[in-house]
Amino acid sequence: MTTFVDRVELHVVAGNGGHGCASVHREKFKPLGGPDGGDGGRGGDVILVVDPEVTTLLDYHHRPHRKATNGKPGAGGNRTGALGKDLVLPVPDGTVVLSPSGEVLADLVGAGTSFVAGQGGRGGLGNAALASPRRKAPGFALLGEPGESRDLVLELKTIADVALVGYPSAGKSSLISVLSAARPKIADYPFTTLVPNLGVVTAGETVYTVADVPGLIPGASEGRGLGLEFLRHVERCAVLVHVLDCATLETERDPLTDFEVIERELAQYGGLDDRPRLVVLNKTDIPEGQDLADIVRPELEARGLRVFEVSAVSRKGLRELSFALGELVAAARAAKPREEVKRVVIRPKAVNEVGFTVSPEGEGLFRVRGEKPERWVVQTDFSNEEAVGYLADRLNRLGVEDELLRLGAREGDGVAIGPEDDAVVFDWEPSVTAGAEMLGRRGEDHRMNPLRPAARRRRDREAQRRDAAQREFEEFRPFD
């Protein structure tokens, strides 16, 4: 049964925005009290948050599809729909969020660090919010926007100060078990360690963490063995420790060859050349191991490496090793630049920015792209003629029709709004005024603003005087 997972594919869907409501206020003795349709609620976001109590991505391995709740639709009486509840997904410290193509979207380090993996859709406006002096009683409302849908890759990179690297059965698990309180599985067969083990070590005033990385073999950086899956856990470590087996029973292996093989794999993986190295000659409690350590130590020191002879059984050399690692970790922390205070930079859009583009595509087809046009199309109920007219008004005011005329569009040409795989296409009919503006009083209802009795009588008297003057003029005309 899988108990540790450090790489998963996650499919997130944010909540859809609720639809706006088209409603007219009704009350006794007030049959037409005005539009009172409320706005739809916003859809919930999908948020990744670092939780120190989570150490694996196992939960997302079993349940890779996650969806936030939708916003509720608006209602009459100017009642706004309820907001969708955000879906908070806890992830381990050190989780890297990638796109399917490998682009790094976020590096989540530190408890509470968060990343919005999916943005919830906006709620649609109700007809109360769409009312204006020209459109006093809109008979439509805007639809809610769909929530953002994304495919992500989550990778866990262990956060530790020191990484123990070496061949399988080199004694890394035994070493971490005596340096710290960690209790990893220990056995005398290769690939005993299948997951990175972490231990906390105290050396004087310095406290640091040590990671036992699963054994590496030749070709690990290319996918052989378990190395490729766990080399990523070495990336965040400040110090690398080569654990070399001086009592191996394999005749074709020796500590120098093991060191060169592991260094070659680390170099091919990349990004680790600047990390300080220490070499640990392990299992020197065995006479043959001590003899081999005496032979290879001068060669390793000639390469500029600090070498420690240790034994996990007799605990030989462990105190010196722990304090040497503590010094390197303290130096690495001191050299790390302090995090600067993040400043919020506001970059407003230019005043003359149109916010859309129109490009000809082939014979008789033009494509409109832009945040506003694409959002307006999604929010339009195309079964409602008045809503379609409102969309035409907005596009005309934005300048889409003027741009089509400038590019030479003709009546009947196709206009597509949105990307190729999800666009709304219609035949263009140029006009001086579009949609609701062409009808002049679309959305208005004279019953919503009736004249007072005195004003009505004054209007009737003026009409009677005009009719009488017209009749008198027609009766008293000079003879030809």
Protein backbone atom coordinates (compact mmCIF):
# COMPACT_ATOMS: atom_id res chain seq x y z
CA MET A 1 0.00 0.00 0.00
CA THR A 2 1.34 3.45 -0.94
CA THR A 3 2.09 5.58 2.13
CA PHE A 4 4.34 8.31 0.68
CA VAL A 5 3.69 10.28 -2.50
CA ASP A 6 5.80 13.26 -3.56
CA ARG A 7 4.42 13.92 -7.05
CA VAL A 8 0.79 14.04 -8.16
CA GLU A 9 -1.37 15.44 -10.93
CA LEU A 10 -4.18 17.58 -9.54
CA HIS A 11 -7.28 18.72 -11.41
CA VAL A 12 -9.02 21.67 -9.78
CA VAL A 13 -12.28 23.40 -10.72
CA ALA A 14 -13.31 26.61 -8.99
CA GLY A 15 -16.96 27.35 -8.28
CA ASN A 16 -19.22 28.96 -10.88
CA GLY A 17 -20.73 32.35 -10.22
CA GLY A 18 -24.46 32.45 -9.57
CA HIS A 19 -26.80 33.90 -12.20
CA GLY A 20 -28.35 37.31 -11.69
CA CYS A 21 -32.11 37.57 -11.22
CA ALA A 22 -34.58 39.45 -13.47
CA SER A 23 -37.45 40.49 -11.23
CA VAL A 24 -39.95 43.37 -10.87
CA HIS A 25 -41.07 44.51 -7.46
CA ARG A 26 -44.73 43.72 -6.80
CA GLU A 27 -46.68 45.18 -3.92
CA LYS A 28 -50.29 45.98 -3.19
CA PHE A 29 -51.31 49.23 -4.89
CA LYS A 30 -47.85 49.26 -6.60
CA PRO A 31 -48.14 46.84 -9.51
CA LEU A 32 -44.87 48.06 -11.08
CA GLY A 33 -42.48 49.02 -8.31
CA GLY A 34 -39.29 48.80 -10.37
CA PRO A 35 -36.66 46.12 -11.00
CA ASP A 36 -35.44 44.37 -7.86
CA GLY A 37 -33.48 41.37 -9.13
CA GLY A 38 -30.39 40.66 -7.00
CA ASP A 39 -26.87 39.73 -8.13
CA GLY A 40 -25.54 36.19 -8.14
CA GLY A 41 -22.97 35.08 -5.58
CA ARG A 42 -19.31 34.62 -6.44
CA GLY A 43 -17.98 31.08 -6.90
CA GLY A 44 -15.54 29.63 -4.38
CA ASP A 45 -11.76 29.59 -5.00
CA VAL A 46 -9.48 26.55 -4.80
CA ILE A 47 -6.54 27.49 -2.53
CA LEU A 48 -3.39 25.51 -1.72
CA VAL A 49 -2.08 26.26 1.79
CA VAL A 50 1.06 24.91 3.49
CA ASP A 51 0.16 22.86 6.57
CA PRO A 52 3.09 21.74 8.79
CA GLU A 53 1.15 18.65 9.86
CA VAL A 54 0.91 17.36 6.28
CA THR A 55 4.00 15.47 5.09
CA THR A 56 2.86 13.73 1.90
CA LEU A 57 0.68 14.25 -1.17
CA LEU A 58 -0.99 10.89 -0.68
CA ASP A 59 -4.49 12.33 -0.31
CA TYR A 60 -4.32 13.90 -3.78
CA HIS A 61 -2.95 10.66 -5.23
CA HIS A 62 -6.20 8.92 -4.30
CA ARG A 63 -8.49 11.89 -5.02
CA PRO A 64 -6.95 14.01 -7.80
CA HIS A 65 -10.16 15.86 -8.75
CA ARG A 66 -11.22 18.74 -6.48
CA LYS A 67 -14.02 21.28 -6.97
CA ALA A 68 -15.15 24.31 -4.98
CA THR A 69 -18.82 25.13 -4.44
CA ASN A 70 -20.81 27.36 -6.79
CA GLY A 71 -22.28 30.72 -5.92
CA LYS A 72 -26.05 30.87 -5.48
CA PRO A 73 -28.28 32.79 -7.92
CA GLY A 74 -29.76 36.13 -6.96
CA ALA A 75 -33.42 36.54 -6.03
CA GLY A 76 -36.13 39.17 -6.05
CA GLY A 77 -36.25 41.84 -3.41
CA ASN A 78 -32.63 42.82 -4.18
CA ARG A 79 -31.38 39.65 -2.47
CA THR A 80 -27.83 38.73 -3.46
CA GLY A 81 -27.01 35.05 -3.85
CA ALA A 82 -24.79 33.37 -1.26
CA LEU A 83 -21.05 33.21 -1.99
CA GLY A 84 -19.50 29.88 -2.88
CA LYS A 85 -17.29 28.40 -0.13
CA ASP A 86 -13.56 28.39 -0.84
CA LEU A 87 -11.93 24.96 -1.00
CA VAL A 88 -8.69 25.01 1.04
CA LEU A 89 -6.30 22.15 0.22
CA PRO A 90 -3.45 21.56 2.73
CA VAL A 91 -0.07 20.66 1.21
CA PRO A 92 3.34 19.86 2.77
CA ASP A 93 5.98 22.50 3.28
CA GLY A 94 8.20 22.62 0.19
CA THR A 95 5.49 21.84 -2.40
CA VAL A 96 6.16 23.17 -5.89
CA VAL A 97 3.16 23.88 -8.14
CA LEU A 98 3.81 23.28 -11.84
CA SER A 99 1.81 23.53 -15.03
CA PRO A 100 1.52 20.39 -17.19
CA SER A 101 4.26 21.84 -19.42
CA GLY A 102 6.64 22.18 -16.46
CA GLU A 103 6.32 25.93 -15.77
CA VAL A 104 6.75 26.76 -12.08
CA LEU A 105 3.63 28.56 -10.86
CA ALA A 106 4.39 28.69 -7.14
CA ASP A 107 6.96 27.46 -4.63
CA LEU A 108 5.18 27.02 -1.32
CA VAL A 109 7.69 27.29 1.53
CA GLY A 110 6.71 28.26 5.05
CA ALA A 111 3.63 27.52 7.14
CA GLY A 112 0.58 29.39 5.89
CA THR A 113 1.96 30.15 2.44
CA SER A 114 -0.91 29.97 -0.03
CA PHE A 115 -1.58 29.90 -3.76
CA VAL A 116 -4.93 30.36 -5.52
CA ALA A 117 -4.99 27.35 -7.84
CA GLY A 118 -8.44 28.15 -9.27
CA GLN A 119 -10.27 31.49 -9.31
CA GLY A 120 -14.00 31.40 -8.66
CA GLY A 121 -16.33 32.87 -11.28
CA ARG A 122 -17.99 36.25 -10.81
CA GLY A 123 -21.68 36.37 -10.07
CA GLY A 124 -23.99 37.82 -12.73
CA LEU A 125 -25.63 41.19 -12.20
CA GLY A 126 -29.36 41.29 -11.55
CA ASN A 127 -31.68 43.60 -13.46
CA ALA A 128 -31.70 46.05 -10.53
CA ALA A 129 -27.99 46.69 -11.12
CA LEU A 130 -28.53 46.99 -14.89
CA ALA A 131 -31.24 49.66 -14.61
CA SER A 132 -30.39 53.14 -15.94
CA PRO A 133 -32.26 56.29 -17.02
CA ARG A 134 -32.48 54.87 -20.54
CA ARG A 135 -33.22 51.29 -19.47
CA LYS A 136 -35.52 51.62 -16.48
CA ALA A 137 -36.97 48.12 -16.45
CA PRO A 138 -34.47 45.60 -17.87
CA GLY A 139 -36.14 42.32 -18.67
CA PHE A 140 -32.92 40.34 -18.37
CA ALA A 141 -29.99 39.66 -16.05
CA LEU A 142 -26.39 38.58 -16.60
CA LEU A 143 -25.29 34.99 -16.19
CA GLY A 144 -22.59 33.99 -13.72
CA GLU A 145 -19.09 33.28 -15.01
CA PRO A 146 -17.79 29.70 -14.92
CA GLY A 147 -15.05 28.96 -12.40
CA GLU A 148 -11.46 28.50 -13.50
CA SER A 149 -10.49 24.94 -14.39
CA ARG A 150 -6.80 23.95 -14.28
CA ASP A 151 -4.57 20.90 -14.46
CA LEU A 152 -1.62 21.14 -12.07
CA VAL A 153 1.37 19.06 -11.05
CA LEU A 154 2.41 19.09 -7.39
CA GLU A 155 5.97 18.09 -6.48
CA LEU A 156 7.27 17.81 -2.94
CA LYS A 157 10.88 18.81 -2.33
CA THR A 158 11.96 17.96 1.20
CA ILE A 159 13.12 20.93 3.24
CA ALA A 160 16.24 19.87 5.16
CA ASP A 161 19.63 21.37 5.95
CA VAL A 162 21.74 18.26 5.29
CA ALA A 163 21.24 15.46 2.77
CA LEU A 164 22.83 12.03 3.14
CA VAL A 165 23.52 10.55 -0.29
CA GLY A 166 25.13 7.31 -1.32
CA TYR A 167 24.62 3.79 -2.62
CA PRO A 168 21.88 1.54 -1.24
CA SER A 169 22.87 -0.14 2.03
CA ALA A 170 25.71 2.33 2.59
CA GLY A 171 24.44 2.91 6.13
CA LYS A 172 22.58 6.21 5.69
CA SER A 173 19.52 5.06 7.66
CA SER A 174 21.70 3.73 10.48
CA LEU A 175 23.61 6.99 10.56
CA ILE A 176 20.51 9.18 10.81
CA SER A 177 19.09 6.91 13.50
CA VAL A 178 22.08 7.55 15.80
CA LEU A 179 22.48 11.24 14.92
CA SER A 180 18.82 12.02 15.67
CA ALA A 181 15.68 10.53 17.14
CA ALA A 182 14.48 9.31 13.73
CA ARG A 183 13.70 5.60 13.48
CA PRO A 184 13.84 4.63 9.81
CA LYS A 185 13.58 1.06 8.57
CA ILE A 186 16.99 -0.63 8.60
CA ALA A 187 17.81 -3.92 6.85
CA ASP A 188 20.70 -5.63 5.08
CA TYR A 189 19.22 -5.58 1.57
CA PRO A 190 19.31 -2.85 -1.12
CA PHE A 191 16.58 -0.21 -1.39
CA THR A 192 15.47 -0.61 2.20
CA THR A 193 14.72 3.12 2.28
CA LEU A 194 11.84 3.89 -0.07
CA VAL A 195 10.95 7.36 1.22
CA PRO A 196 13.08 10.28 2.51
CA ASN A 197 13.52 10.18 6.28
CA LEU A 198 14.01 13.35 8.31
CA GLY A 199 15.81 13.71 11.64
CA VAL A 200 16.55 16.70 13.87
CA VAL A 201 20.11 17.06 15.18
CA THR A 202 21.34 19.40 17.94
CA ALA A 203 25.00 20.43 17.86
CA GLY A 204 25.69 23.03 20.53
CA GLU A 205 23.46 26.03 19.78
CA THR A 206 22.72 24.92 16.23
CA VAL A 207 19.67 22.80 15.48
CA TYR A 208 19.34 21.42 11.96
CA THR A 209 17.53 18.71 10.03
CA VAL A 210 19.09 15.78 8.19
CA ALA A 211 17.43 13.96 5.28
CA ASP A 212 18.18 10.35 4.45
CA VAL A 213 17.70 10.17 0.67
CA PRO A 214 16.93 6.73 -0.85
CA GLY A 215 19.96 5.03 -2.36
CA LEU A 216 21.35 6.15 -5.71
CA ILE A 217 22.83 3.90 -8.39
CA PRO A 218 24.49 4.58 -11.77
CA GLY A 219 21.92 6.09 -14.12
CA ALA A 220 19.75 7.48 -11.31
CA SER A 221 19.55 10.90 -13.01
CA GLU A 222 18.16 9.16 -16.10
CA GLY A 223 15.50 7.19 -14.25
CA ARG A 224 17.21 4.02 -13.06
CA GLY A 225 16.32 2.73 -9.63
CA LEU A 226 14.65 5.16 -7.25
CA GLY A 227 17.10 8.02 -7.69
CA LEU A 228 15.20 10.15 -10.21
CA GLU A 229 12.12 10.13 -8.01
CA PHE A 230 14.02 11.39 -4.97
CA LEU A 231 16.89 13.50 -6.30
CA ARG A 232 14.52 16.47 -6.11
CA HIS A 233 14.62 16.15 -2.31
CA VAL A 234 18.31 17.11 -2.38
CA GLU A 235 17.70 20.46 -4.12
CA ARG A 236 16.80 22.46 -0.99
CA CYS A 237 19.58 21.04 1.23
CA ALA A 238 22.46 23.34 2.12
CA VAL A 239 25.06 20.58 2.74
CA LEU A 240 25.64 17.24 0.99
CA VAL A 241 27.18 14.31 2.85
CA HIS A 242 28.59 11.35 0.90
CA VAL A 243 28.12 8.19 2.95
CA LEU A 244 30.62 5.62 1.64
CA ASP A 245 30.48 1.97 2.60
CA CYS A 246 33.93 0.72 3.65
CA ALA A 247 32.69 -2.82 4.35
CA THR A 248 30.80 -3.61 1.15
CA LEU A 249 30.70 -7.24 0.06
CA GLU A 250 30.51 -6.33 -3.65
CA THR A 251 33.94 -6.91 -5.15
CA GLU A 252 33.45 -4.46 -8.04
CA ARG A 253 32.80 -1.55 -5.69
CA ASP A 254 35.10 0.61 -3.56
CA PRO A 255 34.60 3.96 -1.74
CA LEU A 256 36.41 6.06 -4.38
CA THR A 257 34.38 4.59 -7.24
CA ASP A 258 31.14 5.04 -5.28
CA PHE A 259 32.00 8.69 -4.63
CA GLU A 260 32.72 9.38 -8.30
CA VAL A 261 29.52 7.64 -9.45
CA ILE A 262 27.32 9.60 -7.02
CA GLU A 263 29.05 12.88 -7.94
CA ARG A 264 28.45 12.16 -11.62
CA GLU A 265 24.73 11.57 -11.01
CA LEU A 266 24.45 14.79 -8.97
CA ALA A 267 26.20 16.74 -11.73
CA GLN A 268 23.90 15.32 -14.41
CA TYR A 269 20.86 16.21 -12.31
CA GLY A 270 22.20 19.78 -12.09
CA GLY A 271 21.98 22.71 -9.73
CA LEU A 272 24.03 21.23 -6.88
CA ASP A 273 27.58 22.32 -7.70
CA ASP A 274 27.62 25.12 -5.13
CA ARG A 275 26.72 22.92 -2.14
CA PRO A 276 29.55 22.14 0.33
CA ARG A 277 30.44 18.44 0.60
CA LEU A 278 31.54 16.20 3.44
CA VAL A 279 32.61 12.57 3.13
CA VAL A 280 31.72 9.95 5.73
CA LEU A 281 33.61 6.66 5.67
CA ASN A 282 31.07 4.39 7.35
CA LYS A 283 31.34 0.97 9.04
CA THR A 284 34.90 1.50 10.25
CA ASP A 285 34.18 -0.63 13.33
CA ILE A 286 34.93 -3.64 11.15
CA PRO A 287 38.69 -4.31 10.75
CA GLU A 288 38.44 -4.61 6.96
CA GLY A 289 36.47 -1.36 6.88
CA GLN A 290 39.09 0.49 8.89
CA ASP A 291 41.84 -0.82 6.64
CA LEU A 292 40.02 0.39 3.52
CA ALA A 293 39.31 3.78 5.14
CA ASP A 294 43.03 4.23 5.84
CA ILE A 295 43.73 3.61 2.14
CA VAL A 296 41.12 5.94 0.57
CA ARG A 297 41.20 8.80 3.09
CA PRO A 298 44.42 10.44 1.76
CA GLU A 299 43.02 10.36 -1.77
CA LEU A 300 39.77 12.06 -0.74
CA GLU A 301 41.55 14.69 1.35
CA ALA A 302 43.84 15.41 -1.62
CA ARG A 303 40.68 16.47 -3.50
CA GLY A 304 39.97 19.11 -0.84
CA LEU A 305 37.24 17.15 0.99
CA ARG A 306 36.76 16.88 4.74
CA VAL A 307 36.63 13.20 5.67
CA PHE A 308 35.15 11.62 8.83
CA GLU A 309 35.54 7.99 9.87
CA VAL A 310 32.40 6.91 11.72
CA SER A 311 30.55 3.85 12.91
CA ALA A 312 26.83 3.77 13.64
CA VAL A 313 27.37 0.72 15.85
CA SER A 314 30.18 2.00 18.10
CA ARG A 315 29.21 5.68 17.54
CA LYS A 316 32.79 6.46 16.61
CA GLY A 317 33.27 9.97 15.15
CA LEU A 318 29.58 10.96 15.37
CA ARG A 319 30.09 13.93 17.72
CA GLU A 320 32.79 15.45 15.49
CA LEU A 321 30.57 14.90 12.41
CA SER A 322 27.49 16.50 14.00
CA PHE A 323 29.41 19.65 15.03
CA ALA A 324 31.09 19.93 11.61
CA LEU A 325 27.67 19.77 9.95
CA GLY A 326 26.37 22.36 12.42
CA GLU A 327 29.14 24.78 11.44
CA LEU A 328 28.38 24.39 7.73
CA VAL A 329 24.64 24.83 8.28
CA ALA A 330 25.18 27.95 10.41
CA ALA A 331 27.45 29.43 7.74
CA ALA A 332 24.89 28.68 5.03
CA ARG A 333 22.12 30.34 7.05
CA ALA A 334 24.27 33.41 7.71
CA ALA A 335 25.12 33.74 4.02
CA LYS A 336 21.48 33.51 3.01
CA PRO A 337 20.16 37.00 2.20
CA ARG A 338 17.41 38.31 4.39
CA GLU A 339 13.99 38.31 2.87
CA GLU A 340 12.96 41.78 1.85
CA VAL A 341 9.56 43.13 2.73
CA LYS A 342 7.24 42.51 -0.17
CA ARG A 343 5.85 45.73 -1.56
CA VAL A 344 2.57 45.90 -3.40
CA VAL A 345 3.13 47.48 -6.80
CA ILE A 346 0.04 48.86 -8.52
CA ARG A 347 0.31 49.21 -12.27
CA PRO A 348 -2.89 50.81 -13.58
CA LYS A 349 -3.82 50.29 -17.19
CA ALA A 350 -3.12 53.07 -19.65
CA VAL A 351 -5.96 55.50 -20.28
CA ASN A 352 -5.87 54.86 -24.02
CA GLU A 353 -5.78 51.06 -23.72
CA VAL A 354 -8.71 49.65 -25.71
CA GLY A 355 -8.78 46.30 -23.95
CA PHE A 356 -9.47 44.18 -27.03
CA THR A 357 -8.01 43.16 -30.39
CA VAL A 358 -9.66 42.40 -33.72
CA SER A 359 -7.73 40.32 -36.23
CA PRO A 360 -8.82 39.03 -39.66
CA GLU A 361 -8.66 35.25 -40.05
CA GLY A 362 -9.17 34.04 -43.56
CA GLU A 363 -11.86 35.17 -45.95
CA GLY A 364 -14.79 36.88 -44.28
CA LEU A 365 -13.91 36.01 -40.65
CA PHE A 366 -12.73 38.31 -37.88
CA ARG A 367 -11.77 37.25 -34.35
CA VAL A 368 -12.25 39.49 -31.30
CA ARG A 369 -10.09 38.78 -28.24
CA GLY A 370 -10.00 40.61 -24.95
CA GLU A 371 -10.95 40.21 -21.31
CA LYS A 372 -14.09 42.32 -21.49
CA PRO A 373 -15.62 41.03 -24.75
CA GLU A 374 -15.01 37.40 -23.79
CA ARG A 375 -16.44 37.89 -20.30
CA TRP A 376 -19.51 39.70 -21.65
CA VAL A 377 -20.23 36.88 -24.08
CA VAL A 378 -20.07 34.28 -21.30
CA GLN A 379 -22.49 36.35 -19.19
CA THR A 380 -25.06 36.82 -21.97
CA ASP A 381 -28.28 34.80 -22.13
CA PHE A 382 -28.65 34.39 -25.91
CA SER A 383 -32.23 33.16 -25.53
CA ASN A 384 -33.21 36.68 -24.45
CA GLU A 385 -33.32 39.24 -27.28
CA GLU A 386 -32.99 42.15 -24.90
CA ALA A 387 -29.85 40.61 -23.36
CA VAL A 388 -28.38 40.19 -26.85
CA GLY A 389 -29.15 43.83 -27.59
CA TYR A 390 -27.43 44.84 -24.37
CA LEU A 391 -24.35 42.88 -25.44
CA ALA A 392 -24.39 44.66 -28.80
CA ASP A 393 -24.56 48.02 -27.03
CA ARG A 394 -21.56 47.19 -24.86
CA LEU A 395 -19.46 45.97 -27.79
CA ASN A 396 -20.37 49.08 -29.77
CA ARG A 397 -19.44 51.43 -26.92
CA LEU A 398 -16.15 49.55 -26.46
CA GLY A 399 -15.28 50.31 -30.09
CA VAL A 400 -15.49 46.83 -31.62
CA GLU A 401 -17.73 47.96 -34.50
CA ASP A 402 -15.47 50.89 -35.38
CA GLU A 403 -12.47 48.56 -35.46
CA LEU A 404 -14.32 46.11 -37.72
CA LEU A 405 -15.17 48.94 -40.12
CA ARG A 406 -11.54 50.08 -40.11
CA LEU A 407 -10.36 46.59 -41.02
CA GLY A 408 -12.78 46.43 -43.95
CA ALA A 409 -15.43 44.10 -42.56
CA ARG A 410 -18.59 43.87 -44.61
CA GLU A 411 -22.14 42.97 -43.82
CA GLY A 412 -22.53 39.22 -43.43
CA ASP A 413 -18.91 38.58 -42.45
CA GLY A 414 -18.38 36.23 -39.54
CA VAL A 415 -17.23 37.65 -36.19
CA ALA A 416 -15.91 35.22 -33.57
CA ILE A 417 -15.48 36.35 -29.96
CA GLY A 418 -13.18 34.18 -27.87
CA PRO A 419 -10.53 31.50 -28.46
CA GLU A 420 -10.72 29.08 -31.37
CA ASP A 421 -11.93 26.10 -29.33
CA ASP A 422 -14.64 28.02 -27.46
CA ALA A 423 -15.87 31.03 -29.41
CA VAL A 424 -19.25 32.60 -30.13
CA VAL A 425 -19.65 33.27 -33.88
CA PHE A 426 -22.29 35.51 -35.45
CA ASP A 427 -22.88 37.31 -38.74
CA TRP A 428 -22.03 40.97 -38.50
CA GLU A 429 -24.62 43.59 -39.42
CA PRO A 430 -23.11 47.08 -39.29
CA SER A 431 -25.30 49.90 -38.05
CA VAL A 432 -24.93 53.48 -36.87
CA THR A 433 -26.39 52.47 -33.52
CA ALA A 434 -26.49 48.94 -32.25
CA GLY A 435 -28.79 46.83 -30.16
CA ALA A 436 -30.83 48.63 -27.57
CA GLU A 437 -29.62 52.05 -28.73
CA MET A 438 -31.23 51.38 -32.12
CA LEU A 439 -34.61 50.87 -30.46
CA GLY A 440 -34.24 54.01 -28.39
CA ARG A 441 -36.44 53.03 -25.43
CA ARG A 442 -35.57 49.34 -25.03
CA GLY A 443 -36.12 48.28 -21.44
CA GLU A 444 -38.27 51.27 -20.58
CA ASP A 445 -41.89 51.11 -19.54
CA HIS A 446 -43.97 54.28 -19.46
CA ARG A 447 -46.01 52.74 -16.67
CA MET A 448 -42.94 52.86 -14.46
CA ASN A 449 -43.03 56.69 -14.49
CA PRO A 450 -46.65 57.83 -14.95
CA LEU A 451 -47.49 61.54 -15.22
CA ARG A 452 -49.21 63.26 -12.35
CA PRO A 453 -52.84 64.33 -12.96
CA ALA A 454 -51.98 68.04 -13.27
CA ALA A 455 -49.21 67.31 -15.74
CA ARG A 456 -51.52 65.04 -17.71
CA ARG A 457 -54.20 67.76 -17.93
CA ARG A 458 -51.61 70.33 -19.00
CA ARG A 459 -50.38 67.95 -21.70
CA ASP A 460 -53.95 67.37 -22.95
CA ARG A 461 -54.69 71.13 -23.10
CA GLU A 462 -51.53 71.76 -25.10
CA ALA A 463 -52.48 69.01 -27.52
CA GLN A 464 -55.97 70.49 -27.93
CA ARG A 465 -54.54 73.96 -28.68
CA ARG A 466 -52.21 72.51 -31.30
CA ASP A 467 -55.10 70.65 -32.94
CA ALA A 468 -57.29 73.79 -32.95
CA ALA A 469 -54.54 75.92 -34.46
CA GLN A 470 -53.95 73.32 -37.15
CA ARG A 471 -57.67 73.24 -38.06
CA GLU A 472 -57.89 77.05 -38.13
CA PHE A 473 -54.87 77.21 -40.43
CA GLU A 474 -56.35 74.68 -42.80
CA GLU A 475 -59.73 76.51 -42.91
CA PHE A 476 -58.28 80.00 -43.44
CA ARG A 477 -55.97 79.66 -46.43
CA PRO A 478 -55.49 82.36 -49.09
CA PHE A 479 -56.98 81.59 -52.48
CA ASP A 480 -54.59 80.59 -55.23
